[in-house]
PDB file of all heavy atoms in Angstrom:
ATOM      1  N   ASN A   1     -34.027  18.505  21.916  1.00  0.00           N
ATOM      2  CA  ASN A   1     -34.430  19.708  22.566  1.00  0.00           C
ATOM      3  C   ASN A   1     -34.580  20.901  21.494  1.00  0.00           C
ATOM      4  O   ASN A   1     -35.211  21.868  21.767  1.00  0.00           O
ATOM      5  CB  ASN A   1     -33.439  20.134  23.673  1.00  0.00           C
ATOM      6  CG  ASN A   1     -33.518  19.146  24.803  1.00  0.00           C
ATOM      7  OD1 ASN A   1     -34.445  18.449  24.986  1.00  0.00           O
ATOM      8  ND2 ASN A   1     -32.449  19.167  25.667  1.00  0.00           N
ATOM      9  N   PHE A   2     -33.947  20.746  20.389  1.00  0.00           N
ATOM     10  CA  PHE A   2     -34.069  21.778  19.260  1.00  0.00           C
ATOM     11  C   PHE A   2     -35.208  21.341  18.361  1.00  0.00           C
ATOM     12  O   PHE A   2     -35.445  22.132  17.362  1.00  0.00           O
ATOM     13  CB  PHE A   2     -32.749  21.810  18.556  1.00  0.00           C
ATOM     14  CG  PHE A   2     -31.593  22.425  19.258  1.00  0.00           C
ATOM     15  CD1 PHE A   2     -30.827  21.687  20.103  1.00  0.00           C
ATOM     16  CD2 PHE A   2     -31.319  23.791  19.214  1.00  0.00           C
ATOM     17  CE1 PHE A   2     -29.750  22.127  20.843  1.00  0.00           C
ATOM     18  CE2 PHE A   2     -30.264  24.356  19.978  1.00  0.00           C
ATOM     19  CZ  PHE A   2     -29.455  23.498  20.831  1.00  0.00           C
ATOM     20  N   GLY A   3     -35.823  20.200  18.580  1.00  0.00           N
ATOM     21  CA  GLY A   3     -37.014  19.839  17.794  1.00  0.00           C
ATOM     22  C   GLY A   3     -36.545  18.707  16.750  1.00  0.00           C
ATOM     23  O   GLY A   3     -37.266  18.340  15.848  1.00  0.00           O
ATOM     24  N   GLY A   4     -35.347  18.184  16.927  1.00  0.00           N
ATOM     25  CA  GLY A   4     -34.846  17.194  15.976  1.00  0.00           C
ATOM     26  C   GLY A   4     -35.032  15.738  16.440  1.00  0.00           C
ATOM     27  O   GLY A   4     -35.243  15.526  17.634  1.00  0.00           O
ATOM     28  N   ASP A   5     -34.947  14.810  15.534  1.00  0.00           N
ATOM     29  CA  ASP A   5     -35.085  13.358  15.769  1.00  0.00           C
ATOM     30  C   ASP A   5     -33.630  12.741  15.863  1.00  0.00           C
ATOM     31  O   ASP A   5     -32.932  12.625  14.832  1.00  0.00           O
ATOM     32  CB  ASP A   5     -35.776  12.762  14.632  1.00  0.00           C
ATOM     33  CG  ASP A   5     -36.164  11.234  14.903  1.00  0.00           C
ATOM     34  OD1 ASP A   5     -35.551  10.713  15.833  1.00  0.00           O
ATOM     35  OD2 ASP A   5     -36.925  10.644  14.069  1.00  0.00           O
ATOM     36  N   TYR A   6     -33.274  12.434  17.058  1.00  0.00           N
ATOM     37  CA  TYR A   6     -31.915  11.901  17.243  1.00  0.00           C
ATOM     38  C   TYR A   6     -31.778  10.554  16.626  1.00  0.00           C
ATOM     39  O   TYR A   6     -30.658  10.057  16.450  1.00  0.00           O
ATOM     40  CB  TYR A   6     -31.525  11.841  18.717  1.00  0.00           C
ATOM     41  CG  TYR A   6     -32.424  10.981  19.573  1.00  0.00           C
ATOM     42  CD1 TYR A   6     -32.305   9.657  19.583  1.00  0.00           C
ATOM     43  CD2 TYR A   6     -33.319  11.614  20.525  1.00  0.00           C
ATOM     44  CE1 TYR A   6     -33.088   8.882  20.422  1.00  0.00           C
ATOM     45  CE2 TYR A   6     -34.047  10.814  21.262  1.00  0.00           C
ATOM     46  CZ  TYR A   6     -34.033   9.472  21.312  1.00  0.00           C
ATOM     47  OH  TYR A   6     -34.783   8.641  22.092  1.00  0.00           O
ATOM     48  N   ASP A   7     -32.785   9.845  16.182  1.00  0.00           N
ATOM     49  CA  ASP A   7     -32.716   8.601  15.502  1.00  0.00           C
ATOM     50  C   ASP A   7     -32.761   8.779  13.963  1.00  0.00           C
ATOM     51  O   ASP A   7     -32.797   7.768  13.242  1.00  0.00           O
ATOM     52  CB  ASP A   7     -33.863   7.641  15.955  1.00  0.00           C
ATOM     53  CG  ASP A   7     -33.538   7.041  17.335  1.00  0.00           C
ATOM     54  OD1 ASP A   7     -32.297   6.826  17.632  1.00  0.00           O
ATOM     55  OD2 ASP A   7     -34.456   6.773  18.041  1.00  0.00           O
ATOM     56  N   ASP A   8     -32.830   9.975  13.503  1.00  0.00           N
ATOM     57  CA  ASP A   8     -32.899  10.235  12.040  1.00  0.00           C
ATOM     58  C   ASP A   8     -31.901  11.371  11.679  1.00  0.00           C
ATOM     59  O   ASP A   8     -32.200  12.485  11.376  1.00  0.00           O
ATOM     60  CB  ASP A   8     -34.321  10.688  11.610  1.00  0.00           C
ATOM     61  CG  ASP A   8     -34.480  10.730  10.120  1.00  0.00           C
ATOM     62  OD1 ASP A   8     -33.592  10.214   9.373  1.00  0.00           O
ATOM     63  OD2 ASP A   8     -35.499  11.195   9.585  1.00  0.00           O
ATOM     64  N   VAL A   9     -30.564  10.980  11.742  1.00  0.00           N
ATOM     65  CA  VAL A   9     -29.435  11.924  11.491  1.00  0.00           C
ATOM     66  C   VAL A   9     -28.747  11.395  10.219  1.00  0.00           C
ATOM     67  O   VAL A   9     -28.231  10.213  10.138  1.00  0.00           O
ATOM     68  CB  VAL A   9     -28.545  11.939  12.707  1.00  0.00           C
ATOM     69  CG1 VAL A   9     -27.270  12.789  12.376  1.00  0.00           C
ATOM     70  CG2 VAL A   9     -29.313  12.371  13.936  1.00  0.00           C
ATOM     71  N   THR A  10     -28.590  12.335   9.301  1.00  0.00           N
ATOM     72  CA  THR A  10     -27.824  12.049   8.108  1.00  0.00           C
ATOM     73  C   THR A  10     -26.548  12.794   8.188  1.00  0.00           C
ATOM     74  O   THR A  10     -26.526  13.963   8.671  1.00  0.00           O
ATOM     75  CB  THR A  10     -28.476  12.592   6.866  1.00  0.00           C
ATOM     76  OG1 THR A  10     -29.846  11.927   6.689  1.00  0.00           O
ATOM     77  CG2 THR A  10     -27.704  12.360   5.579  1.00  0.00           C
ATOM     78  N   ILE A  11     -25.435  12.160   7.886  1.00  0.00           N
ATOM     79  CA  ILE A  11     -24.152  12.902   7.903  1.00  0.00           C
ATOM     80  C   ILE A  11     -23.718  13.102   6.420  1.00  0.00           C
ATOM     81  O   ILE A  11     -23.820  12.276   5.599  1.00  0.00           O
ATOM     82  CB  ILE A  11     -23.067  12.078   8.697  1.00  0.00           C
ATOM     83  CG1 ILE A  11     -22.808  10.739   8.141  1.00  0.00           C
ATOM     84  CG2 ILE A  11     -23.366  12.089  10.142  1.00  0.00           C
ATOM     85  CD1 ILE A  11     -21.602   9.969   8.752  1.00  0.00           C
ATOM     86  N   ALA A  12     -23.306  14.326   6.156  1.00  0.00           N
ATOM     87  CA  ALA A  12     -22.905  14.781   4.855  1.00  0.00           C
ATOM     88  C   ALA A  12     -21.672  15.504   4.966  1.00  0.00           C
ATOM     89  O   ALA A  12     -21.301  16.165   6.033  1.00  0.00           O
ATOM     90  CB  ALA A  12     -24.053  15.588   4.204  1.00  0.00           C
ATOM     91  N   GLY A  13     -20.930  15.587   3.854  1.00  0.00           N
ATOM     92  CA  GLY A  13     -19.631  16.394   3.846  1.00  0.00           C
ATOM     93  C   GLY A  13     -19.141  16.501   2.398  1.00  0.00           C
ATOM     94  O   GLY A  13     -19.484  15.770   1.526  1.00  0.00           O
ATOM     95  N   TYR A  14     -18.410  17.592   2.165  1.00  0.00           N
ATOM     96  CA  TYR A  14     -17.847  17.914   0.919  1.00  0.00           C
ATOM     97  C   TYR A  14     -16.299  17.873   0.956  1.00  0.00           C
ATOM     98  O   TYR A  14     -15.659  18.303   1.925  1.00  0.00           O
ATOM     99  CB  TYR A  14     -18.402  19.189   0.345  1.00  0.00           C
ATOM    100  CG  TYR A  14     -18.180  20.453   1.266  1.00  0.00           C
ATOM    101  CD1 TYR A  14     -17.007  21.228   1.259  1.00  0.00           C
ATOM    102  CD2 TYR A  14     -19.177  20.718   2.193  1.00  0.00           C
ATOM    103  CE1 TYR A  14     -16.867  22.226   2.098  1.00  0.00           C
ATOM    104  CE2 TYR A  14     -19.050  21.896   3.043  1.00  0.00           C
ATOM    105  CZ  TYR A  14     -17.905  22.578   3.012  1.00  0.00           C
ATOM    106  OH  TYR A  14     -17.716  23.605   3.879  1.00  0.00           O
ATOM    107  N   SER A  15     -15.632  17.313  -0.054  1.00  0.00           N
ATOM    108  CA  SER A  15     -14.217  17.221  -0.170  1.00  0.00           C
ATOM    109  C   SER A  15     -13.687  16.405   0.963  1.00  0.00           C
ATOM    110  O   SER A  15     -13.976  15.309   1.170  1.00  0.00           O
ATOM    111  CB  SER A  15     -13.573  18.664  -0.262  1.00  0.00           C
ATOM    112  OG  SER A  15     -12.268  18.627  -0.793  1.00  0.00           O
ATOM    113  N   ALA A  16     -12.792  17.056   1.827  1.00  0.00           N
ATOM    114  CA  ALA A  16     -12.305  16.283   3.027  1.00  0.00           C
ATOM    115  C   ALA A  16     -13.480  15.868   3.888  1.00  0.00           C
ATOM    116  O   ALA A  16     -13.416  14.794   4.551  1.00  0.00           O
ATOM    117  CB  ALA A  16     -11.321  17.239   3.753  1.00  0.00           C
ATOM    118  N   GLY A  17     -14.467  16.702   3.972  1.00  0.00           N
ATOM    119  CA  GLY A  17     -15.686  16.305   4.788  1.00  0.00           C
ATOM    120  C   GLY A  17     -16.401  15.068   4.144  1.00  0.00           C
ATOM    121  O   GLY A  17     -16.920  14.303   4.864  1.00  0.00           O
ATOM    122  N   SER A  18     -16.255  14.963   2.840  1.00  0.00           N
ATOM    123  CA  SER A  18     -16.813  13.708   2.155  1.00  0.00           C
ATOM    124  C   SER A  18     -15.997  12.496   2.530  1.00  0.00           C
ATOM    125  O   SER A  18     -16.607  11.484   2.913  1.00  0.00           O
ATOM    126  CB  SER A  18     -16.813  13.898   0.655  1.00  0.00           C
ATOM    127  OG  SER A  18     -17.217  12.829  -0.036  1.00  0.00           O
ATOM    128  N   VAL A  19     -14.650  12.590   2.580  1.00  0.00           N
ATOM    129  CA  VAL A  19     -13.833  11.550   3.075  1.00  0.00           C
ATOM    130  C   VAL A  19     -14.169  11.262   4.531  1.00  0.00           C
ATOM    131  O   VAL A  19     -14.291  10.066   4.919  1.00  0.00           O
ATOM    132  CB  VAL A  19     -12.400  11.899   2.900  1.00  0.00           C
ATOM    133  CG1 VAL A  19     -11.484  10.774   3.623  1.00  0.00           C
ATOM    134  CG2 VAL A  19     -11.982  11.983   1.524  1.00  0.00           C
ATOM    135  N   ALA A  20     -14.342  12.265   5.353  1.00  0.00           N
ATOM    136  CA  ALA A  20     -14.619  12.079   6.737  1.00  0.00           C
ATOM    137  C   ALA A  20     -15.966  11.323   7.026  1.00  0.00           C
ATOM    138  O   ALA A  20     -15.955  10.314   7.745  1.00  0.00           O
ATOM    139  CB  ALA A  20     -14.705  13.459   7.489  1.00  0.00           C
ATOM    140  N   VAL A  21     -17.085  11.711   6.257  1.00  0.00           N
ATOM    141  CA  VAL A  21     -18.245  10.931   6.509  1.00  0.00           C
ATOM    142  C   VAL A  21     -18.208   9.496   5.956  1.00  0.00           C
ATOM    143  O   VAL A  21     -18.808   8.623   6.603  1.00  0.00           O
ATOM    144  CB  VAL A  21     -19.469  11.686   5.951  1.00  0.00           C
ATOM    145  CG1 VAL A  21     -19.672  13.023   6.682  1.00  0.00           C
ATOM    146  CG2 VAL A  21     -19.400  11.821   4.467  1.00  0.00           C
ATOM    147  N   ASP A  22     -17.393   9.329   4.934  1.00  0.00           N
ATOM    148  CA  ASP A  22     -17.152   7.995   4.434  1.00  0.00           C
ATOM    149  C   ASP A  22     -16.456   7.100   5.410  1.00  0.00           C
ATOM    150  O   ASP A  22     -16.681   5.909   5.570  1.00  0.00           O
ATOM    151  CB  ASP A  22     -16.428   8.090   3.091  1.00  0.00           C
ATOM    152  CG  ASP A  22     -16.828   7.069   2.030  1.00  0.00           C
ATOM    153  OD1 ASP A  22     -17.846   6.357   2.276  1.00  0.00           O
ATOM    154  OD2 ASP A  22     -16.141   6.926   1.053  1.00  0.00           O
ATOM    155  N   LEU A  23     -15.529   7.648   6.114  1.00  0.00           N
ATOM    156  CA  LEU A  23     -14.815   6.996   7.115  1.00  0.00           C
ATOM    157  C   LEU A  23     -15.609   6.819   8.390  1.00  0.00           C
ATOM    158  O   LEU A  23     -15.475   5.763   9.084  1.00  0.00           O
ATOM    159  CB  LEU A  23     -13.438   7.713   7.517  1.00  0.00           C
ATOM    160  CG  LEU A  23     -12.377   7.722   6.435  1.00  0.00           C
ATOM    161  CD1 LEU A  23     -11.263   8.663   6.834  1.00  0.00           C
ATOM    162  CD2 LEU A  23     -11.841   6.324   6.280  1.00  0.00           C
ATOM    163  N   LEU A  24     -16.366   7.739   8.813  1.00  0.00           N
ATOM    164  CA  LEU A  24     -17.220   7.584   9.940  1.00  0.00           C
ATOM    165  C   LEU A  24     -18.208   6.372   9.766  1.00  0.00           C
ATOM    166  O   LEU A  24     -18.438   5.643  10.778  1.00  0.00           O
ATOM    167  CB  LEU A  24     -18.144   8.910  10.113  1.00  0.00           C
ATOM    168  CG  LEU A  24     -17.421  10.097  10.701  1.00  0.00           C
ATOM    169  CD1 LEU A  24     -18.210  11.298  10.445  1.00  0.00           C
ATOM    170  CD2 LEU A  24     -17.200   9.865  12.244  1.00  0.00           C
ATOM    171  N   MET A  25     -18.562   6.132   8.570  1.00  0.00           N
ATOM    172  CA  MET A  25     -19.445   4.897   8.302  1.00  0.00           C
ATOM    173  C   MET A  25     -18.678   3.618   8.633  1.00  0.00           C
ATOM    174  O   MET A  25     -19.291   2.614   8.952  1.00  0.00           O
ATOM    175  CB  MET A  25     -19.779   4.940   6.795  1.00  0.00           C
ATOM    176  CG  MET A  25     -20.788   3.898   6.411  1.00  0.00           C
ATOM    177  SD  MET A  25     -21.220   4.098   4.629  1.00  0.00           S
ATOM    178  CE  MET A  25     -22.400   2.705   4.485  1.00  0.00           C
ATOM    179  N   LEU A  26     -17.290   3.713   8.577  1.00  0.00           N
ATOM    180  CA  LEU A  26     -16.524   2.438   8.889  1.00  0.00           C
ATOM    181  C   LEU A  26     -16.069   2.313  10.278  1.00  0.00           C
ATOM    182  O   LEU A  26     -15.533   1.314  10.698  1.00  0.00           O
ATOM    183  CB  LEU A  26     -15.332   2.395   7.889  1.00  0.00           C
ATOM    184  CG  LEU A  26     -15.539   2.520   6.343  1.00  0.00           C
ATOM    185  CD1 LEU A  26     -14.213   2.359   5.606  1.00  0.00           C
ATOM    186  CD2 LEU A  26     -16.648   1.451   5.947  1.00  0.00           C
ATOM    187  N   SER A  27     -16.233   3.309  11.072  1.00  0.00           N
ATOM    188  CA  SER A  27     -15.657   3.431  12.448  1.00  0.00           C
ATOM    189  C   SER A  27     -16.680   2.853  13.440  1.00  0.00           C
ATOM    190  O   SER A  27     -17.797   3.260  13.518  1.00  0.00           O
ATOM    191  CB  SER A  27     -15.260   4.863  12.772  1.00  0.00           C
ATOM    192  OG  SER A  27     -14.859   4.914  14.174  1.00  0.00           O
ATOM    193  N   ASP A  28     -16.142   1.979  14.356  1.00  0.00           N
ATOM    194  CA  ASP A  28     -16.981   1.500  15.470  1.00  0.00           C
ATOM    195  C   ASP A  28     -17.317   2.620  16.388  1.00  0.00           C
ATOM    196  O   ASP A  28     -18.382   2.500  17.033  1.00  0.00           O
ATOM    197  CB  ASP A  28     -16.182   0.349  16.281  1.00  0.00           C
ATOM    198  CG  ASP A  28     -16.044  -0.922  15.417  1.00  0.00           C
ATOM    199  OD1 ASP A  28     -16.910  -1.115  14.511  1.00  0.00           O
ATOM    200  OD2 ASP A  28     -15.106  -1.679  15.747  1.00  0.00           O
ATOM    201  N   MET A  29     -16.434   3.650  16.516  1.00  0.00           N
ATOM    202  CA  MET A  29     -16.728   4.754  17.441  1.00  0.00           C
ATOM    203  C   MET A  29     -18.082   5.446  17.048  1.00  0.00           C
ATOM    204  O   MET A  29     -18.718   6.023  17.909  1.00  0.00           O
ATOM    205  CB  MET A  29     -15.595   5.811  17.380  1.00  0.00           C
ATOM    206  CG  MET A  29     -14.382   5.426  18.218  1.00  0.00           C
ATOM    207  SD  MET A  29     -13.137   6.837  18.171  1.00  0.00           S
ATOM    208  CE  MET A  29     -14.008   8.007  19.275  1.00  0.00           C
ATOM    209  N   ALA A  30     -18.420   5.432  15.726  1.00  0.00           N
ATOM    210  CA  ALA A  30     -19.492   6.236  15.283  1.00  0.00           C
ATOM    211  C   ALA A  30     -20.830   5.438  15.047  1.00  0.00           C
ATOM    212  O   ALA A  30     -21.886   5.971  14.593  1.00  0.00           O
ATOM    213  CB  ALA A  30     -19.175   6.972  13.976  1.00  0.00           C
ATOM    214  N   LYS A  31     -20.825   4.191  15.353  1.00  0.00           N
ATOM    215  CA  LYS A  31     -21.936   3.265  15.147  1.00  0.00           C
ATOM    216  C   LYS A  31     -23.136   3.737  15.925  1.00  0.00           C
ATOM    217  O   LYS A  31     -22.991   4.150  17.124  1.00  0.00           O
ATOM    218  CB  LYS A  31     -21.613   1.847  15.543  1.00  0.00           C
ATOM    219  CG  LYS A  31     -20.865   1.075  14.470  1.00  0.00           C
ATOM    220  CD  LYS A  31     -20.768  -0.405  14.785  1.00  0.00           C
ATOM    221  CE  LYS A  31     -20.026  -1.176  13.645  1.00  0.00           C
ATOM    222  NZ  LYS A  31     -19.866  -2.554  13.939  1.00  0.00           N
ATOM    223  N   GLY A  32     -24.333   3.783  15.346  1.00  0.00           N
ATOM    224  CA  GLY A  32     -25.505   4.202  15.992  1.00  0.00           C
ATOM    225  C   GLY A  32     -25.751   5.718  16.057  1.00  0.00           C
ATOM    226  O   GLY A  32     -26.758   6.116  16.611  1.00  0.00           O
ATOM    227  N   LEU A  33     -24.922   6.517  15.509  1.00  0.00           N
ATOM    228  CA  LEU A  33     -24.985   7.964  15.598  1.00  0.00           C
ATOM    229  C   LEU A  33     -25.625   8.576  14.363  1.00  0.00           C
ATOM    230  O   LEU A  33     -25.808   9.829  14.320  1.00  0.00           O
ATOM    231  CB  LEU A  33     -23.672   8.584  15.824  1.00  0.00           C
ATOM    232  CG  LEU A  33     -22.948   8.085  17.157  1.00  0.00           C
ATOM    233  CD1 LEU A  33     -21.589   8.733  17.285  1.00  0.00           C
ATOM    234  CD2 LEU A  33     -23.810   8.362  18.382  1.00  0.00           C
ATOM    235  N   PHE A  34     -25.868   7.804  13.312  1.00  0.00           N
ATOM    236  CA  PHE A  34     -26.537   8.302  12.046  1.00  0.00           C
ATOM    237  C   PHE A  34     -27.104   7.132  11.283  1.00  0.00           C
ATOM    238  O   PHE A  34     -26.743   6.024  11.564  1.00  0.00           O
ATOM    239  CB  PHE A  34     -25.483   9.101  11.186  1.00  0.00           C
ATOM    240  CG  PHE A  34     -24.214   8.203  10.915  1.00  0.00           C
ATOM    241  CD1 PHE A  34     -24.179   7.395   9.771  1.00  0.00           C
ATOM    242  CD2 PHE A  34     -23.162   8.216  11.699  1.00  0.00           C
ATOM    243  CE1 PHE A  34     -23.104   6.587   9.528  1.00  0.00           C
ATOM    244  CE2 PHE A  34     -21.970   7.452  11.507  1.00  0.00           C
ATOM    245  CZ  PHE A  34     -21.981   6.616  10.404  1.00  0.00           C
ATOM    246  N   ASN A  35     -27.949   7.457  10.351  1.00  0.00           N
ATOM    247  CA  ASN A  35     -28.608   6.399   9.599  1.00  0.00           C
ATOM    248  C   ASN A  35     -28.596   6.599   8.127  1.00  0.00           C
ATOM    249  O   ASN A  35     -29.208   5.823   7.326  1.00  0.00           O
ATOM    250  CB  ASN A  35     -30.039   6.170   9.975  1.00  0.00           C
ATOM    251  CG  ASN A  35     -30.890   7.437   9.789  1.00  0.00           C
ATOM    252  OD1 ASN A  35     -30.422   8.472   9.439  1.00  0.00           O
ATOM    253  ND2 ASN A  35     -32.220   7.265   9.957  1.00  0.00           N
ATOM    254  N   LYS A  36     -27.870   7.658   7.541  1.00  0.00           N
ATOM    255  CA  LYS A  36     -27.707   7.864   6.129  1.00  0.00           C
ATOM    256  C   LYS A  36     -26.399   8.676   5.960  1.00  0.00           C
ATOM    257  O   LYS A  36     -26.015   9.424   6.890  1.00  0.00           O
ATOM    258  CB  LYS A  36     -28.905   8.650   5.545  1.00  0.00           C
ATOM    259  CG  LYS A  36     -30.195   7.890   5.546  1.00  0.00           C
ATOM    260  CD  LYS A  36     -31.395   8.680   5.081  1.00  0.00           C
ATOM    261  CE  LYS A  36     -31.697   9.846   6.027  1.00  0.00           C
ATOM    262  NZ  LYS A  36     -32.303   9.354   7.270  1.00  0.00           N
TER     263      LYS A  36
END
């Protein structure tokens, strides 16, 4: 609704946010919610 593609979501983070996105990649809870 904001003009974005929900199938083309990159997650990024710095420092603790970097650890967080690295862990999101391993979590079953987050599967299918991002592609990079």
